[in-house]
PDB file of N, CA and C in Angstrom:
ATOM      1  N   MET A   1       0.645  -0.898   0.182  1.00  0.00           N
ATOM      2  CA  MET A   1      -0.267  -0.322  -0.018  1.00  0.00           C
ATOM      3  C   MET A   1       0.927   1.327   0.217  1.00  0.00           C
ATOM      4  N   ASN A   2       0.714   2.085  -1.325  1.00  0.00           N
ATOM      5  CA  ASN A   2       1.042   3.394  -1.017  1.00  0.00           C
ATOM      6  C   ASN A   2       0.806   4.186  -0.263  1.00  0.00           C
ATOM      7  N   VAL A   3       1.175   4.895   0.851  1.00  0.00           N
ATOM      8  CA  VAL A   3       0.385   6.398   1.533  1.00  0.00           C
ATOM      9  C   VAL A   3       1.545   7.471   1.598  1.00  0.00           C
ATOM     10  N   LEU A   4       0.913   8.570   1.404  1.00  0.00           N
ATOM     11  CA  LEU A   4       1.754   9.684   1.152  1.00  0.00           C
ATOM     12  C   LEU A   4       1.311  10.279   2.391  1.00  0.00           C
ATOM     13  N   VAL A   5       2.532  10.877   3.499  1.00  0.00           N
ATOM     14  CA  VAL A   5       2.144  11.222   4.029  1.00  0.00           C
ATOM     15  C   VAL A   5       1.981  13.225   4.256  1.00  0.00           C
ATOM     16  N   VAL A   6       1.615  14.081   4.008  1.00  0.00           N
ATOM     17  CA  VAL A   6       1.228  15.284   4.069  1.00  0.00           C
ATOM     18  C   VAL A   6       1.810  16.562   5.438  1.00  0.00           C
ATOM     19  N   ASP A   7       2.696  16.887   5.792  1.00  0.00           N
ATOM     20  CA  ASP A   7       2.926  17.696   6.811  1.00  0.00           C
ATOM     21  C   ASP A   7       4.168  18.228   6.924  1.00  0.00           C
ATOM     22  N   ASP A   8       3.990  19.860   6.896  1.00  0.00           N
ATOM     23  CA  ASP A   8       5.057  20.913   7.129  1.00  0.00           C
ATOM     24  C   ASP A   8       5.960  20.209   7.523  1.00  0.00           C
ATOM     25  N   GLU A   9       5.413  19.516   8.903  1.00  0.00           N
ATOM     26  CA  GLU A   9       6.770  19.150  10.081  1.00  0.00           C
ATOM     27  C   GLU A   9       7.714  18.166   9.710  1.00  0.00           C
ATOM     28  N   THR A  10       8.615  18.409   9.235  1.00  0.00           N
ATOM     29  CA  THR A  10       9.884  17.576   8.076  1.00  0.00           C
ATOM     30  C   THR A  10       9.912  16.376  10.233  1.00  0.00           C
ATOM     31  N   ASP A  11       9.842  16.269  10.682  1.00  0.00           N
ATOM     32  CA  ASP A  11       9.668  15.550  11.868  1.00  0.00           C
ATOM     33  C   ASP A  11       9.211  14.316  11.497  1.00  0.00           C
ATOM     34  N   VAL A  12       8.304  14.265  11.129  1.00  0.00           N
ATOM     35  CA  VAL A  12       6.708  13.672  11.044  1.00  0.00           C
ATOM     36  C   VAL A  12       7.542  12.139  10.170  1.00  0.00           C
ATOM     37  N   LYS A  13       8.805  12.772   9.156  1.00  0.00           N
ATOM     38  CA  LYS A  13       8.845  11.720   8.360  1.00  0.00           C
ATOM     39  C   LYS A  13       9.932  10.263   9.400  1.00  0.00           C
ATOM     40  N   THR A  14      10.532  10.916  10.745  1.00  0.00           N
ATOM     41  CA  THR A  14      10.986   9.581  10.907  1.00  0.00           C
ATOM     42  C   THR A  14      10.372   9.219  12.591  1.00  0.00           C
ATOM     43  N   LEU A  15       8.711  10.272  12.552  1.00  0.00           N
ATOM     44  CA  LEU A  15       7.760   9.696  13.065  1.00  0.00           C
ATOM     45  C   LEU A  15       7.359   8.539  12.659  1.00  0.00           C
ATOM     46  N   PHE A  16       6.980   8.800  11.589  1.00  0.00           N
ATOM     47  CA  PHE A  16       6.224   7.619  10.852  1.00  0.00           C
ATOM     48  C   PHE A  16       7.276   6.298  10.181  1.00  0.00           C
ATOM     49  N   GLU A  17       8.586   6.319   9.750  1.00  0.00           N
ATOM     50  CA  GLU A  17       9.672   5.452   9.466  1.00  0.00           C
ATOM     51  C   GLU A  17       9.399   4.647  10.733  1.00  0.00           C
ATOM     52  N   GLN A  18       9.470   5.010  11.963  1.00  0.00           N
ATOM     53  CA  GLN A  18      10.328   4.754  13.548  1.00  0.00           C
ATOM     54  C   GLN A  18       9.092   3.418  13.196  1.00  0.00           C
ATOM     55  N   ARG A  19       7.589   4.482  13.963  1.00  0.00           N
ATOM     56  CA  ARG A  19       6.063   3.828  13.802  1.00  0.00           C
ATOM     57  C   ARG A  19       5.417   2.345  12.861  1.00  0.00           C
ATOM     58  N   PHE A  20       6.621   2.530  11.993  1.00  0.00           N
ATOM     59  CA  PHE A  20       5.513   1.459  10.510  1.00  0.00           C
ATOM     60  C   PHE A  20       6.906   0.834   9.681  1.00  0.00           C
ATOM     61  N   ARG A  21       8.190   0.789  11.389  1.00  0.00           N
ATOM     62  CA  ARG A  21       9.524  -0.323  11.059  1.00  0.00           C
ATOM     63  C   ARG A  21       8.945  -1.311   9.922  1.00  0.00           C
ATOM     64  N   LYS A  22       8.318  -1.958  10.592  1.00  0.00           N
ATOM     65  CA  LYS A  22       8.179  -3.454  10.381  1.00  0.00           C
ATOM     66  C   LYS A  22       6.852  -3.140   9.494  1.00  0.00           C
ATOM     67  N   GLU A  23       6.356  -2.779   9.427  1.00  0.00           N
ATOM     68  CA  GLU A  23       5.610  -2.272   7.465  1.00  0.00           C
ATOM     69  C   GLU A  23       6.293  -2.257   5.761  1.00  0.00           C
ATOM     70  N   LEU A  24       7.409  -1.978   6.759  1.00  0.00           N
ATOM     71  CA  LEU A  24       8.155  -0.902   5.833  1.00  0.00           C
ATOM     72  C   LEU A  24       9.362  -2.096   5.379  1.00  0.00           C
ATOM     73  N   ARG A  25      10.036  -2.835   5.937  1.00  0.00           N
ATOM     74  CA  ARG A  25      10.405  -3.968   5.904  1.00  0.00           C
ATOM     75  C   ARG A  25       9.918  -4.816   5.238  1.00  0.00           C
ATOM     76  N   SER A  26       8.579  -5.460   5.495  1.00  0.00           N
ATOM     77  CA  SER A  26       8.074  -6.698   5.284  1.00  0.00           C
ATOM     78  C   SER A  26       7.211  -6.029   4.048  1.00  0.00           C
ATOM     79  N   GLY A  27       7.367  -5.192   3.092  1.00  0.00           N
ATOM     80  CA  GLY A  27       7.258  -4.464   1.999  1.00  0.00           C
ATOM     81  C   GLY A  27       4.714  -4.402   2.128  1.00  0.00           C
ATOM     82  N   GLU A  28       4.541  -4.380   3.105  1.00  0.00           N
ATOM     83  CA  GLU A  28       3.477  -4.098   3.596  1.00  0.00           C
ATOM     84  C   GLU A  28       2.857  -2.659   3.171  1.00  0.00           C
ATOM     85  N   ILE A  29       3.876  -1.806   3.213  1.00  0.00           N
ATOM     86  CA  ILE A  29       3.304  -0.208   3.151  1.00  0.00           C
ATOM     87  C   ILE A  29       4.567   0.615   2.580  1.00  0.00           C
ATOM     88  N   GLU A  30       4.065   1.766   1.675  1.00  0.00           N
ATOM     89  CA  GLU A  30       5.805   2.194   1.391  1.00  0.00           C
ATOM     90  C   GLU A  30       5.128   3.529   1.699  1.00  0.00           C
ATOM     91  N   LEU A  31       6.049   4.942   2.583  1.00  0.00           N
ATOM     92  CA  LEU A  31       5.581   5.527   2.754  1.00  0.00           C
ATOM     93  C   LEU A  31       6.737   6.706   1.629  1.00  0.00           C
ATOM     94  N   HIS A  32       5.600   7.562   1.334  1.00  0.00           N
ATOM     95  CA  HIS A  32       6.416   9.281   0.998  1.00  0.00           C
ATOM     96  C   HIS A  32       6.007   9.874   1.592  1.00  0.00           C
ATOM     97  N   PHE A  33       6.900  11.710   1.031  1.00  0.00           N
ATOM     98  CA  PHE A  33       6.367  12.177   1.996  1.00  0.00           C
ATOM     99  C   PHE A  33       6.120  13.343   1.414  1.00  0.00           C
ATOM    100  N   ALA A  34       5.549  14.279   1.908  1.00  0.00           N
ATOM    101  CA  ALA A  34       5.095  15.711   0.799  1.00  0.00           C
ATOM    102  C   ALA A  34       5.199  16.381   2.265  1.00  0.00           C
ATOM    103  N   PHE A  35       6.374  17.888   1.986  1.00  0.00           N
ATOM    104  CA  PHE A  35       5.918  19.132   2.901  1.00  0.00           C
ATOM    105  C   PHE A  35       5.150  20.079   2.869  1.00  0.00           C
ATOM    106  N   SER A  36       4.496  20.084   1.693  1.00  0.00           N
ATOM    107  CA  SER A  36       3.898  21.077   1.597  1.00  0.00           C
ATOM    108  C   SER A  36       2.281  20.397   0.466  1.00  0.00           C
ATOM    109  N   GLY A  37       1.210  20.762   0.441  1.00  0.00           N
ATOM    110  CA  GLY A  37       0.292  20.817  -0.251  1.00  0.00           C
ATOM    111  C   GLY A  37       0.762  20.831  -1.480  1.00  0.00           C
ATOM    112  N   GLU A  38       1.616  22.151  -1.707  1.00  0.00           N
ATOM    113  CA  GLU A  38       2.230  22.378  -3.219  1.00  0.00           C
ATOM    114  C   GLU A  38       2.693  20.711  -3.644  1.00  0.00           C
ATOM    115  N   GLU A  39       3.198  20.355  -2.591  1.00  0.00           N
ATOM    116  CA  GLU A  39       4.730  18.980  -3.099  1.00  0.00           C
ATOM    117  C   GLU A  39       3.457  17.976  -3.145  1.00  0.00           C
ATOM    118  N   ALA A  40       2.528  18.218  -2.326  1.00  0.00           N
ATOM    119  CA  ALA A  40       1.004  16.739  -2.338  1.00  0.00           C
ATOM    120  C   ALA A  40       1.251  16.455  -3.819  1.00  0.00           C
ATOM    121  N   ILE A  41       0.757  17.260  -4.856  1.00  0.00           N
ATOM    122  CA  ILE A  41      -0.177  17.989  -5.971  1.00  0.00           C
ATOM    123  C   ILE A  41       1.223  17.413  -7.169  1.00  0.00           C
ATOM    124  N   ASN A  42       2.127  18.188  -6.614  1.00  0.00           N
ATOM    125  CA  ASN A  42       3.318  17.378  -7.824  1.00  0.00           C
ATOM    126  C   ASN A  42       3.372  16.305  -7.284  1.00  0.00           C
ATOM    127  N   TYR A  43       3.607  15.171  -6.250  1.00  0.00           N
ATOM    128  CA  TYR A  43       3.952  13.633  -6.262  1.00  0.00           C
ATOM    129  C   TYR A  43       2.851  13.326  -6.787  1.00  0.00           C
ATOM    130  N   LEU A  44       1.779  13.859  -7.057  1.00  0.00           N
ATOM    131  CA  LEU A  44      -0.153  13.168  -7.035  1.00  0.00           C
ATOM    132  C   LEU A  44       0.117  13.345  -9.052  1.00  0.00           C
ATOM    133  N   ASP A  45       0.954  14.449  -9.437  1.00  0.00           N
ATOM    134  CA  ASP A  45       0.731  14.925 -10.406  1.00  0.00           C
ATOM    135  C   ASP A  45       1.049  13.806 -11.859  1.00  0.00           C
ATOM    136  N   SER A  46       2.425  12.999 -10.609  1.00  0.00           N
ATOM    137  CA  SER A  46       3.616  12.317 -11.349  1.00  0.00           C
ATOM    138  C   SER A  46       3.678  10.700 -10.919  1.00  0.00           C
ATOM    139  N   HIS A  47       2.318  10.422 -10.137  1.00  0.00           N
ATOM    140  CA  HIS A  47       2.726   9.323  -9.775  1.00  0.00           C
ATOM    141  C   HIS A  47       1.123   9.218  -9.174  1.00  0.00           C
ATOM    142  N   GLN A  48      -0.027   9.937  -9.852  1.00  0.00           N
ATOM    143  CA  GLN A  48      -1.155   9.766  -9.718  1.00  0.00           C
ATOM    144  C   GLN A  48      -2.052   8.351 -10.016  1.00  0.00           C
ATOM    145  N   GLN A  49      -1.766   7.393 -10.038  1.00  0.00           N
ATOM    146  CA  GLN A  49      -2.647   6.355  -9.348  1.00  0.00           C
ATOM    147  C   GLN A  49      -1.500   5.199  -8.332  1.00  0.00           C
ATOM    148  N   GLU A  50      -0.535   5.467  -7.603  1.00  0.00           N
ATOM    149  CA  GLU A  50       0.136   4.773  -7.049  1.00  0.00           C
ATOM    150  C   GLU A  50      -0.198   5.193  -5.675  1.00  0.00           C
ATOM    151  N   ALA A  51      -0.915   6.411  -4.885  1.00  0.00           N
ATOM    152  CA  ALA A  51      -1.080   6.615  -3.606  1.00  0.00           C
ATOM    153  C   ALA A  51      -2.429   5.862  -3.726  1.00  0.00           C
ATOM    154  N   VAL A  52      -2.345   5.295  -3.122  1.00  0.00           N
ATOM    155  CA  VAL A  52      -3.897   4.336  -2.961  1.00  0.00           C
ATOM    156  C   VAL A  52      -4.876   5.374  -1.211  1.00  0.00           C
ATOM    157  N   LEU A  53      -3.555   6.121  -0.153  1.00  0.00           N
ATOM    158  CA  LEU A  53      -4.521   6.256   0.993  1.00  0.00           C
ATOM    159  C   LEU A  53      -3.122   7.843   0.978  1.00  0.00           C
ATOM    160  N   ILE A  54      -3.744   8.637   1.214  1.00  0.00           N
ATOM    161  CA  ILE A  54      -3.518  10.240   1.675  1.00  0.00           C
ATOM    162  C   ILE A  54      -3.589  10.534   3.302  1.00  0.00           C
ATOM    163  N   LEU A  55      -2.377  10.988   3.608  1.00  0.00           N
ATOM    164  CA  LEU A  55      -3.111  11.481   5.512  1.00  0.00           C
ATOM    165  C   LEU A  55      -2.410  12.931   5.279  1.00  0.00           C
ATOM    166  N   SER A  56      -3.162  14.030   5.277  1.00  0.00           N
ATOM    167  CA  SER A  56      -2.568  14.879   5.209  1.00  0.00           C
ATOM    168  C   SER A  56      -2.682  16.029   6.698  1.00  0.00           C
ATOM    169  N   ASP A  57      -2.130  16.671   6.794  1.00  0.00           N
ATOM    170  CA  ASP A  57      -2.183  17.903   7.879  1.00  0.00           C
ATOM    171  C   ASP A  57      -2.926  18.894   7.501  1.00  0.00           C
ATOM    172  N   ILE A  58      -4.063  19.685   8.619  1.00  0.00           N
ATOM    173  CA  ILE A  58      -5.183  20.221   7.973  1.00  0.00           C
ATOM    174  C   ILE A  58      -3.842  21.453   8.009  1.00  0.00           C
ATOM    175  N   ASN A  59      -3.726  22.241   9.229  1.00  0.00           N
ATOM    176  CA  ASN A  59      -2.606  23.662   9.294  1.00  0.00           C
ATOM    177  C   ASN A  59      -1.114  24.136   8.592  1.00  0.00           C
ATOM    178  N   MET A  60      -1.322  24.378   7.463  1.00  0.00           N
ATOM    179  CA  MET A  60       0.133  24.309   6.863  1.00  0.00           C
ATOM    180  C   MET A  60       0.534  25.610   6.218  1.00  0.00           C
ATOM    181  N   PRO A  61       1.554  26.185   6.232  1.00  0.00           N
ATOM    182  CA  PRO A  61       0.756  27.404   5.525  1.00  0.00           C
ATOM    183  C   PRO A  61       1.476  26.966   4.139  1.00  0.00           C
ATOM    184  N   GLY A  62       0.898  28.194   3.621  1.00  0.00           N
ATOM    185  CA  GLY A  62       0.414  27.589   2.042  1.00  0.00           C
ATOM    186  C   GLY A  62      -1.109  27.039   1.809  1.00  0.00           C
ATOM    187  N   MET A  63      -1.128  26.006   0.917  1.00  0.00           N
ATOM    188  CA  MET A  63      -1.568  25.787   1.052  1.00  0.00           C
ATOM    189  C   MET A  63      -2.397  24.382   2.041  1.00  0.00           C
ATOM    190  N   SER A  64      -3.674  24.862   2.267  1.00  0.00           N
ATOM    191  CA  SER A  64      -3.412  24.330   3.692  1.00  0.00           C
ATOM    192  C   SER A  64      -4.618  22.707   3.217  1.00  0.00           C
ATOM    193  N   GLY A  65      -4.415  21.813   4.099  1.00  0.00           N
ATOM    194  CA  GLY A  65      -4.733  20.679   3.902  1.00  0.00           C
ATOM    195  C   GLY A  65      -6.114  20.422   3.174  1.00  0.00           C
ATOM    196  N   LEU A  66      -7.067  21.215   3.706  1.00  0.00           N
ATOM    197  CA  LEU A  66      -8.530  21.568   3.020  1.00  0.00           C
ATOM    198  C   LEU A  66      -8.701  21.544   2.230  1.00  0.00           C
ATOM    199  N   GLU A  67      -7.699  22.623   2.043  1.00  0.00           N
ATOM    200  CA  GLU A  67      -7.189  23.488  -0.318  1.00  0.00           C
ATOM    201  C   GLU A  67      -6.714  21.953  -0.961  1.00  0.00           C
ATOM    202  N   LEU A  68      -5.893  21.569  -0.084  1.00  0.00           N
ATOM    203  CA  LEU A  68      -5.056  20.170  -0.670  1.00  0.00           C
ATOM    204  C   LEU A  68      -6.057  19.366  -0.817  1.00  0.00           C
ATOM    205  N   LEU A  69      -7.091  18.502  -0.228  1.00  0.00           N
ATOM    206  CA  LEU A  69      -8.477  18.244  -0.066  1.00  0.00           C
ATOM    207  C   LEU A  69      -9.376  18.370  -1.260  1.00  0.00           C
ATOM    208  N   ARG A  70      -9.926  19.588  -0.991  1.00  0.00           N
ATOM    209  CA  ARG A  70     -10.681  20.028  -2.149  1.00  0.00           C
ATOM    210  C   ARG A  70      -9.607  19.903  -3.905  1.00  0.00           C
ATOM    211  N   VAL A  71      -8.528  20.305  -4.286  1.00  0.00           N
ATOM    212  CA  VAL A  71      -7.925  20.304  -5.187  1.00  0.00           C
ATOM    213  C   VAL A  71      -7.792  18.175  -5.743  1.00  0.00           C
ATOM    214  N   ILE A  72      -7.448  17.528  -4.855  1.00  0.00           N
ATOM    215  CA  ILE A  72      -7.862  16.005  -4.980  1.00  0.00           C
ATOM    216  C   ILE A  72      -9.484  15.510  -5.151  1.00  0.00           C
ATOM    217  N   LYS A  73     -10.029  16.113  -4.764  1.00  0.00           N
ATOM    218  CA  LYS A  73     -11.347  15.171  -4.759  1.00  0.00           C
ATOM    219  C   LYS A  73     -11.825  16.474  -6.372  1.00  0.00           C
ATOM    220  N   GLU A  74     -10.866  17.264  -6.800  1.00  0.00           N
ATOM    221  CA  GLU A  74     -11.858  17.955  -8.039  1.00  0.00           C
ATOM    222  C   GLU A  74     -10.276  17.512  -9.619  1.00  0.00           C
ATOM    223  N   LYS A  75      -9.058  17.339  -9.063  1.00  0.00           N
ATOM    224  CA  LYS A  75      -8.657  17.537 -10.183  1.00  0.00           C
ATOM    225  C   LYS A  75      -8.292  15.998 -10.839  1.00  0.00           C
ATOM    226  N   TYR A  76      -8.640  15.406  -9.232  1.00  0.00           N
ATOM    227  CA  TYR A  76      -8.239  13.566 -10.483  1.00  0.00           C
ATOM    228  C   TYR A  76      -9.614  12.739 -10.425  1.00  0.00           C
ATOM    229  N   GLU A  77      -9.357  12.448 -12.110  1.00  0.00           N
ATOM    230  CA  GLU A  77     -10.409  11.520 -12.222  1.00  0.00           C
ATOM    231  C   GLU A  77     -10.594  10.416 -11.036  1.00  0.00           C
ATOM    232  N   LEU A  78      -9.468   9.616 -10.624  1.00  0.00           N
ATOM    233  CA  LEU A  78      -8.715   8.960  -9.865  1.00  0.00           C
ATOM    234  C   LEU A  78      -9.301   8.909  -8.795  1.00  0.00           C
ATOM    235  N   PRO A  79      -9.450   9.891  -8.038  1.00  0.00           N
ATOM    236  CA  PRO A  79      -7.926  10.175  -6.351  1.00  0.00           C
ATOM    237  C   PRO A  79      -7.761   9.209  -5.679  1.00  0.00           C
ATOM    238  N   PRO A  80      -7.016   9.144  -4.825  1.00  0.00           N
ATOM    239  CA  PRO A  80      -6.456   8.194  -4.158  1.00  0.00           C
ATOM    240  C   PRO A  80      -7.452   7.672  -3.212  1.00  0.00           C
ATOM    241  N   ARG A  81      -7.927   6.759  -2.865  1.00  0.00           N
ATOM    242  CA  ARG A  81      -9.819   5.862  -2.420  1.00  0.00           C
ATOM    243  C   ARG A  81      -9.010   6.315  -1.619  1.00  0.00           C
ATOM    244  N   VAL A  82      -8.235   6.529  -0.440  1.00  0.00           N
ATOM    245  CA  VAL A  82      -8.706   7.158   1.278  1.00  0.00           C
ATOM    246  C   VAL A  82      -8.516   8.418   1.598  1.00  0.00           C
ATOM    247  N   VAL A  83      -8.498   9.277   2.094  1.00  0.00           N
ATOM    248  CA  VAL A  83      -7.738  10.619   2.547  1.00  0.00           C
ATOM    249  C   VAL A  83      -7.851  10.836   3.024  1.00  0.00           C
ATOM    250  N   MET A  84      -7.473  10.959   4.661  1.00  0.00           N
ATOM    251  CA  MET A  84      -7.243  11.051   5.932  1.00  0.00           C
ATOM    252  C   MET A  84      -6.978  13.054   5.996  1.00  0.00           C
ATOM    253  N   MET A  85      -7.371  13.123   6.611  1.00  0.00           N
ATOM    254  CA  MET A  85      -6.979  14.204   7.603  1.00  0.00           C
ATOM    255  C   MET A  85      -6.633  14.569   8.919  1.00  0.00           C
ATOM    256  N   ILE A  86      -5.587  14.994   9.173  1.00  0.00           N
ATOM    257  CA  ILE A  86      -5.143  14.861  10.577  1.00  0.00           C
ATOM    258  C   ILE A  86      -5.005  16.200  11.077  1.00  0.00           C
ATOM    259  N   THR A  87      -4.838  16.523  12.090  1.00  0.00           N
ATOM    260  CA  THR A  87      -4.752  17.713  12.546  1.00  0.00           C
ATOM    261  C   THR A  87      -4.150  18.223  14.607  1.00  0.00           C
ATOM    262  N   ALA A  88      -3.949  19.107  14.725  1.00  0.00           N
ATOM    263  CA  ALA A  88      -3.649  18.990  16.194  1.00  0.00           C
ATOM    264  C   ALA A  88      -4.907  20.028  16.855  1.00  0.00           C
ATOM    265  N   TYR A  89      -5.991  20.674  15.991  1.00  0.00           N
ATOM    266  CA  TYR A  89      -7.149  20.700  16.725  1.00  0.00           C
ATOM    267  C   TYR A  89      -8.505  20.571  16.142  1.00  0.00           C
ATOM    268  N   GLY A  90      -8.918  19.660  16.903  1.00  0.00           N
ATOM    269  CA  GLY A  90     -10.007  19.019  16.484  1.00  0.00           C
ATOM    270  C   GLY A  90     -11.432  19.179  16.796  1.00  0.00           C
ATOM    271  N   ASP A  91     -11.300  20.585  16.178  1.00  0.00           N
ATOM    272  CA  ASP A  91     -12.544  21.551  16.207  1.00  0.00           C
ATOM    273  C   ASP A  91     -14.054  21.292  15.819  1.00  0.00           C
ATOM    274  N   ASP A  92     -15.026  21.415  15.093  1.00  0.00           N
ATOM    275  CA  ASP A  92     -16.063  20.629  14.798  1.00  0.00           C
ATOM    276  C   ASP A  92     -16.138  21.126  12.894  1.00  0.00           C
ATOM    277  N   GLY A  93     -15.232  23.181  13.021  1.00  0.00           N
ATOM    278  CA  GLY A  93     -15.572  23.370  12.246  1.00  0.00           C
ATOM    279  C   GLY A  93     -14.481  22.395  11.395  1.00  0.00           C
ATOM    280  N   ASN A  94     -13.013  22.233  11.534  1.00  0.00           N
ATOM    281  CA  ASN A  94     -12.090  21.484  10.445  1.00  0.00           C
ATOM    282  C   ASN A  94     -12.637  20.411  10.229  1.00  0.00           C
ATOM    283  N   TYR A  95     -13.593  19.512  11.171  1.00  0.00           N
ATOM    284  CA  TYR A  95     -14.070  18.035  11.058  1.00  0.00           C
ATOM    285  C   TYR A  95     -14.777  18.516   9.979  1.00  0.00           C
ATOM    286  N   ASN A  96     -16.348  19.167   9.923  1.00  0.00           N
ATOM    287  CA  ASN A  96     -17.243  19.371   8.849  1.00  0.00           C
ATOM    288  C   ASN A  96     -16.973  19.761   7.971  1.00  0.00           C
ATOM    289  N   GLU A  97     -15.922  20.340   7.518  1.00  0.00           N
ATOM    290  CA  GLU A  97     -15.517  21.141   6.049  1.00  0.00           C
ATOM    291  C   GLU A  97     -14.724  19.494   5.433  1.00  0.00           C
ATOM    292  N   ALA A  98     -14.059  18.909   6.640  1.00  0.00           N
ATOM    293  CA  ALA A  98     -13.183  18.316   6.038  1.00  0.00           C
ATOM    294  C   ALA A  98     -14.031  16.678   4.975  1.00  0.00           C
ATOM    295  N   MET A  99     -15.216  17.214   6.450  1.00  0.00           N
ATOM    296  CA  MET A  99     -16.091  15.978   5.453  1.00  0.00           C
ATOM    297  C   MET A  99     -16.751  16.329   4.313  1.00  0.00           C
ATOM    298  N   GLU A 100     -17.033  17.311   4.196  1.00  0.00           N
ATOM    299  CA  GLU A 100     -18.227  18.387   3.004  1.00  0.00           C
ATOM    300  C   GLU A 100     -17.599  17.949   1.997  1.00  0.00           C
ATOM    301  N   LEU A 101     -15.890  17.566   2.111  1.00  0.00           N
ATOM    302  CA  LEU A 101     -15.332  17.335   0.739  1.00  0.00           C
ATOM    303  C   LEU A 101     -14.402  16.500   0.434  1.00  0.00           C
ATOM    304  N   GLY A 102     -14.725  15.778   1.476  1.00  0.00           N
ATOM    305  CA  GLY A 102     -15.149  14.375   0.243  1.00  0.00           C
ATOM    306  C   GLY A 102     -14.003  13.405   1.322  1.00  0.00           C
ATOM    307  N   ALA A 103     -13.736  13.451   2.865  1.00  0.00           N
ATOM    308  CA  ALA A 103     -12.580  13.213   3.590  1.00  0.00           C
ATOM    309  C   ALA A 103     -12.743  11.997   3.999  1.00  0.00           C
ATOM    310  N   ASP A 104     -12.000  11.251   3.809  1.00  0.00           N
ATOM    311  CA  ASP A 104     -12.706   9.684   4.252  1.00  0.00           C
ATOM    312  C   ASP A 104     -12.584   9.663   6.461  1.00  0.00           C
ATOM    313  N   ASP A 105     -11.510  10.146   7.173  1.00  0.00           N
ATOM    314  CA  ASP A 105     -11.532  10.464   8.172  1.00  0.00           C
ATOM    315  C   ASP A 105     -11.384  11.164   8.590  1.00  0.00           C
ATOM    316  N   PHE A 106     -10.590  11.732  10.318  1.00  0.00           N
ATOM    317  CA  PHE A 106     -10.513  12.612  10.567  1.00  0.00           C
ATOM    318  C   PHE A 106      -9.355  12.763  11.491  1.00  0.00           C
ATOM    319  N   LEU A 107      -8.235  12.486  11.738  1.00  0.00           N
ATOM    320  CA  LEU A 107      -7.790  12.011  13.300  1.00  0.00           C
ATOM    321  C   LEU A 107      -7.264  13.091  13.627  1.00  0.00           C
ATOM    322  N   THR A 108      -7.239  13.475  14.901  1.00  0.00           N
ATOM    323  CA  THR A 108      -6.080  13.926  15.845  1.00  0.00           C
ATOM    324  C   THR A 108      -4.912  13.861  16.227  1.00  0.00           C
ATOM    325  N   LYS A 109      -4.437  14.909  16.493  1.00  0.00           N
ATOM    326  CA  LYS A 109      -2.631  14.535  16.630  1.00  0.00           C
ATOM    327  C   LYS A 109      -2.916  15.022  18.321  1.00  0.00           C
ATOM    328  N   PRO A 110      -1.867  14.056  18.860  1.00  0.00           N
ATOM    329  CA  PRO A 110      -1.170  13.334  18.234  1.00  0.00           C
ATOM    330  C   PRO A 110      -1.318  11.968  17.812  1.00  0.00           C
ATOM    331  N   VAL A 111      -1.129  11.418  16.743  1.00  0.00           N
ATOM    332  CA  VAL A 111      -1.560  10.303  15.838  1.00  0.00           C
ATOM    333  C   VAL A 111      -1.540   9.183  16.898  1.00  0.00           C
ATOM    334  N   ASP A 112      -2.374   8.286  16.517  1.00  0.00           N
ATOM    335  CA  ASP A 112      -2.610   7.062  17.851  1.00  0.00           C
ATOM    336  C   ASP A 112      -2.236   6.249  16.631  1.00  0.00           C
ATOM    337  N   PHE A 113      -0.526   5.642  17.099  1.00  0.00           N
ATOM    338  CA  PHE A 113      -0.554   4.838  15.934  1.00  0.00           C
ATOM    339  C   PHE A 113      -0.861   3.195  15.715  1.00  0.00           C
ATOM    340  N   ASN A 114      -1.828   3.190  16.773  1.00  0.00           N
ATOM    341  CA  ASN A 114      -2.436   1.819  16.576  1.00  0.00           C
ATOM    342  C   ASN A 114      -3.488   1.898  16.125  1.00  0.00           C
ATOM    343  N   ALA A 115      -4.283   2.721  16.463  1.00  0.00           N
ATOM    344  CA  ALA A 115      -5.454   2.889  15.462  1.00  0.00           C
ATOM    345  C   ALA A 115      -5.423   3.274  14.251  1.00  0.00           C
ATOM    346  N   LEU A 116      -4.355   3.989  13.823  1.00  0.00           N
ATOM    347  CA  LEU A 116      -3.782   3.977  12.252  1.00  0.00           C
ATOM    348  C   LEU A 116      -3.628   2.658  11.701  1.00  0.00           C
ATOM    349  N   LYS A 117      -2.764   1.885  12.356  1.00  0.00           N
ATOM    350  CA  LYS A 117      -2.571   1.060  11.572  1.00  0.00           C
ATOM    351  C   LYS A 117      -3.931  -0.013  11.473  1.00  0.00           C
ATOM    352  N   GLU A 118      -4.755  -0.252  12.816  1.00  0.00           N
ATOM    353  CA  GLU A 118      -6.126  -0.867  12.462  1.00  0.00           C
ATOM    354  C   GLU A 118      -6.437   0.001  11.551  1.00  0.00           C
ATOM    355  N   LYS A 119      -6.499   0.865  10.849  1.00  0.00           N
ATOM    356  CA  LYS A 119      -7.350   2.072   9.886  1.00  0.00           C
ATOM    357  C   LYS A 119      -7.128   1.357   8.662  1.00  0.00           C
ATOM    358  N   LEU A 120      -5.699   1.567   8.420  1.00  0.00           N
ATOM    359  CA  LEU A 120      -5.354   0.460   7.254  1.00  0.00           C
ATOM    360  C   LEU A 120      -5.526  -0.865   7.159  1.00  0.00           C
ATOM    361  N   LYS A 121      -5.331  -1.764   7.816  1.00  0.00           N
ATOM    362  CA  LYS A 121      -5.725  -2.972   7.658  1.00  0.00           C
ATOM    363  C   LYS A 121      -7.340  -3.003   6.980  1.00  0.00           C
ATOM    364  N   ASN A 122      -7.771  -1.965   7.146  1.00  0.00           N
ATOM    365  CA  ASN A 122      -9.205  -1.983   6.631  1.00  0.00           C
ATOM    366  C   ASN A 122      -9.556  -1.580   5.439  1.00  0.00           C
ATOM    367  N   ILE A 123      -8.725  -0.952   4.687  1.00  0.00           N
ATOM    368  CA  ILE A 123      -8.323  -0.897   3.463  1.00  0.00           C
ATOM    369  C   ILE A 123      -7.875  -1.568   2.238  1.00  0.00           C
ATOM    370  N   THR A 124      -8.597  -2.129   1.777  1.00  0.00           N
ATOM    371  CA  THR A 124      -7.878  -2.810   0.691  1.00  0.00           C
ATOM    372  C   THR A 124      -7.762  -2.923  -0.573  1.00  0.00           C
ATOM    373  N   THR A 125      -5.888  -3.394  -0.752  1.00  0.00           N
ATOM    374  CA  THR A 125      -4.941  -2.478  -1.579  1.00  0.00           C
ATOM    375  C   THR A 125      -5.699  -3.470  -3.023  1.00  0.00           C
TER     376      THR A 125
END
């Protein structure tokens, strides 16, 4: 399963690689990283059919995660099958907007990696 993680905080890469060490080694998961909404769009333009899941932070400079979600759902004929939004602010406004824009799930920081792994197991590839 190809997962694109979008977050402006670069230390997220190390965190995800540590938490998914076993899954990465077994080839169960491939992690790709974009550190802005714009970088995520560039990735999708060149790997459109490969990303099965996008985990995107909502609050980022430049293009926010919600703007990225809107672009993904409008621009791509075959968007990634699952888009999960992640935010440090679990307020109703962000949640409602994310769901209206077509998010498949909404997670709050700090990410519960055990719960995330369970969610990933439920996504068929």
